[in-house]
C-alpha atoms as a PDB file:
ATOM      1  CA  UNK A   1       3.297  12.087  -4.633  1.00  0.00           C
ATOM      2  CA  UNK A   2       6.192  10.548  -2.915  1.00  0.00           C
ATOM      3  CA  UNK A   3       6.012  10.474   1.106  1.00  0.00           C
ATOM      4  CA  UNK A   4       9.867  12.099   1.160  1.00  0.00           C
ATOM      5  CA  UNK A   5       7.756  15.192  -0.607  1.00  0.00           C
ATOM      6  CA  UNK A   6       5.304  15.277   2.332  1.00  0.00           C
ATOM      7  CA  UNK A   7       4.428  17.448   4.755  1.00  0.00           C
ATOM      8  CA  UNK A   8       5.631  16.656   9.104  1.00  0.00           C
ATOM      9  CA  UNK A   9       2.866  16.028  10.879  1.00  0.00           C
ATOM     10  CA  UNK A  10       0.141  15.885   7.962  1.00  0.00           C
ATOM     11  CA  UNK A  11      -1.915  13.052   7.853  1.00  0.00           C
ATOM     12  CA  UNK A  12      -1.854  11.319   4.325  1.00  0.00           C
ATOM     13  CA  UNK A  13      -2.831   8.359   2.759  1.00  0.00           C
ATOM     14  CA  UNK A  14      -0.799   5.528   1.131  1.00  0.00           C
ATOM     15  CA  UNK A  15      -1.776   5.070  -1.813  1.00  0.00           C
ATOM     16  CA  UNK A  16       0.856   2.993  -3.802  1.00  0.00           C
ATOM     17  CA  UNK A  17       3.953   1.071  -3.254  1.00  0.00           C
ATOM     18  CA  UNK A  18       6.619   1.833  -6.137  1.00  0.00           C
ATOM     19  CA  UNK A  19       9.930  -0.630  -7.054  1.00  0.00           C
ATOM     20  CA  UNK A  20      10.129  -4.800  -7.198  1.00  0.00           C
ATOM     21  CA  UNK A  21       8.776  -7.073  -6.205  1.00  0.00           C
ATOM     22  CA  UNK A  22      11.150  -7.293  -2.799  1.00  0.00           C
ATOM     23  CA  UNK A  23      11.104  -3.877  -2.292  1.00  0.00           C
ATOM     24  CA  UNK A  24       7.560  -3.902  -1.804  1.00  0.00           C
ATOM     25  CA  UNK A  25       7.262  -7.294  -0.233  1.00  0.00           C
ATOM     26  CA  UNK A  26       9.675  -5.513   2.907  1.00  0.00           C
ATOM     27  CA  UNK A  27       7.379  -1.826   2.904  1.00  0.00           C
ATOM     28  CA  UNK A  28       4.020  -4.307   3.169  1.00  0.00           C
ATOM     29  CA  UNK A  29       5.911  -6.466   5.877  1.00  0.00           C
ATOM     30  CA  UNK A  30       6.796  -3.125   7.562  1.00  0.00           C
ATOM     31  CA  UNK A  31       2.952  -1.970   7.770  1.00  0.00           C
ATOM     32  CA  UNK A  32       3.030   0.322   4.277  1.00  0.00           C
ATOM     33  CA  UNK A  33       0.223  -1.202   2.668  1.00  0.00           C
ATOM     34  CA  UNK A  34      -2.198   0.539   0.767  1.00  0.00           C
ATOM     35  CA  UNK A  35      -5.253   3.017   2.504  1.00  0.00           C
ATOM     36  CA  UNK A  36      -2.904   2.771   5.895  1.00  0.00           C
ATOM     37  CA  UNK A  37      -3.189   6.088   6.786  1.00  0.00           C
ATOM     38  CA  UNK A  38       0.642   7.443   7.954  1.00  0.00           C
ATOM     39  CA  UNK A  39       2.481  10.688   9.868  1.00  0.00           C
ATOM     40  CA  UNK A  40       6.047  12.103   9.228  1.00  0.00           C
ATOM     41  CA  UNK A  41       7.384  12.854  12.367  1.00  0.00           C
ATOM     42  CA  UNK A  42      10.753  13.877  12.112  1.00  0.00           C
ATOM     43  CA  UNK A  43      13.023  14.461   8.879  1.00  0.00           C
ATOM     44  CA  UNK A  44      17.015  14.125   9.391  1.00  0.00           C
ATOM     45  CA  UNK A  45      19.217  14.879   6.244  1.00  0.00           C
ATOM     46  CA  UNK A  46      16.400  13.412   4.270  1.00  0.00           C
ATOM     47  CA  UNK A  47      15.767  10.235   5.757  1.00  0.00           C
ATOM     48  CA  UNK A  48      12.275  10.441   7.732  1.00  0.00           C
ATOM     49  CA  UNK A  49      10.613   9.146  11.074  1.00  0.00           C
ATOM     50  CA  UNK A  50       8.071   8.062  10.275  1.00  0.00           C
ATOM     51  CA  UNK A  51       4.100   7.135  12.503  1.00  0.00           C
ATOM     52  CA  UNK A  52       2.094   3.990  10.863  1.00  0.00           C
ATOM     53  CA  UNK A  53      -0.080   1.313  12.494  1.00  0.00           C
ATOM     54  CA  UNK A  54       0.931   3.298  15.785  1.00  0.00           C
ATOM     55  CA  UNK A  55       4.519   2.107  15.316  1.00  0.00           C
ATOM     56  CA  UNK A  56       7.093   4.521  14.889  1.00  0.00           C
ATOM     57  CA  UNK A  57       9.485   3.963  11.888  1.00  0.00           C
ATOM     58  CA  UNK A  58      12.946   5.087  10.223  1.00  0.00           C
ATOM     59  CA  UNK A  59      13.067   5.028   6.533  1.00  0.00           C
ATOM     60  CA  UNK A  60      15.705   6.261   4.366  1.00  0.00           C
ATOM     61  CA  UNK A  61      14.893   8.986   1.560  1.00  0.00           C
ATOM     62  CA  UNK A  62      14.990   6.300  -1.435  1.00  0.00           C
ATOM     63  CA  UNK A  63      12.514   4.048   0.272  1.00  0.00           C
ATOM     64  CA  UNK A  64       9.715   7.234   0.678  1.00  0.00           C
ATOM     65  CA  UNK A  65      10.054   7.598  -2.757  1.00  0.00           C
ATOM     66  CA  UNK A  66       8.563   4.325  -3.456  1.00  0.00           C
ATOM     67  CA  UNK A  67       5.659   4.947  -1.336  1.00  0.00           C
ATOM     68  CA  UNK A  68       2.877   7.116  -2.822  1.00  0.00           C
ATOM     69  CA  UNK A  69       1.001   8.545  -1.258  1.00  0.00           C
ATOM     70  CA  UNK A  70      -2.366  11.252  -1.304  1.00  0.00           C
END
């Protein structure tokens, strides 16, 4: 399921990044790589603040839709 549909405070694992090469590269440079554990800290108007690799990052709903989790 896409990260945008995940529950706040639940631990997930990134399974796949979708989108074109530029989007995938941008997400990877922020630390969103396959196999990485991720937790949603909060949701504001559909945008997310997530904890990935012990860092909090804010991402848009559109970017969160590109991250598939399990």
